[in-house]
């Protein structure tokens, strides 16, 4: 009886530790520094608006984005870059939602040294949050949670397609 209890407890702790160790749904892209930097409306500005900026006249997705990233760092996260896996450059450019499995895009919060990674598994968008050196910091809830990424990226279907948000660059 006691032996069964110990085996059950060890199994439970192993599962709990495993799910905590990898809270996100995508692996860290070790080659991220070799990815293509792309020009977007956001990168054209150079940074997310500060948390004191009046964004009430912007579309709701921008308002939610600012609120989410202001919850990551008081005052706002600062400078940003958008990076695309070279293997997914055509899918990104075409905005067709047909990305290969694995990490596809990164929102790099440069001042904070954080990577918000969007990827794909079985054709579906998945997310994770990492430090620049690869430490997983995806949280179970809040602004660093994969579910927060999912909610925003799927909540604005006119603006987002299979994990890629933004307007098509011509």
Foldseek 3Di string as FASTA:
>chain_A
DVVVVVVVVVVVVVVVVVCQQDVWDAADDLCQVPFDWDDAPQVVVFFQQWLPDPCVVPPPLSVLVQVLQCQVPPRGLGGWIKTFHPQCVVCLQVVPLAFDAHWGMWIQSPSVQKTWTWGDDPSAIITFIAGVNGRTPADCDGSSHRVSQVCSQPVCVVAHHRSDGHDRDD
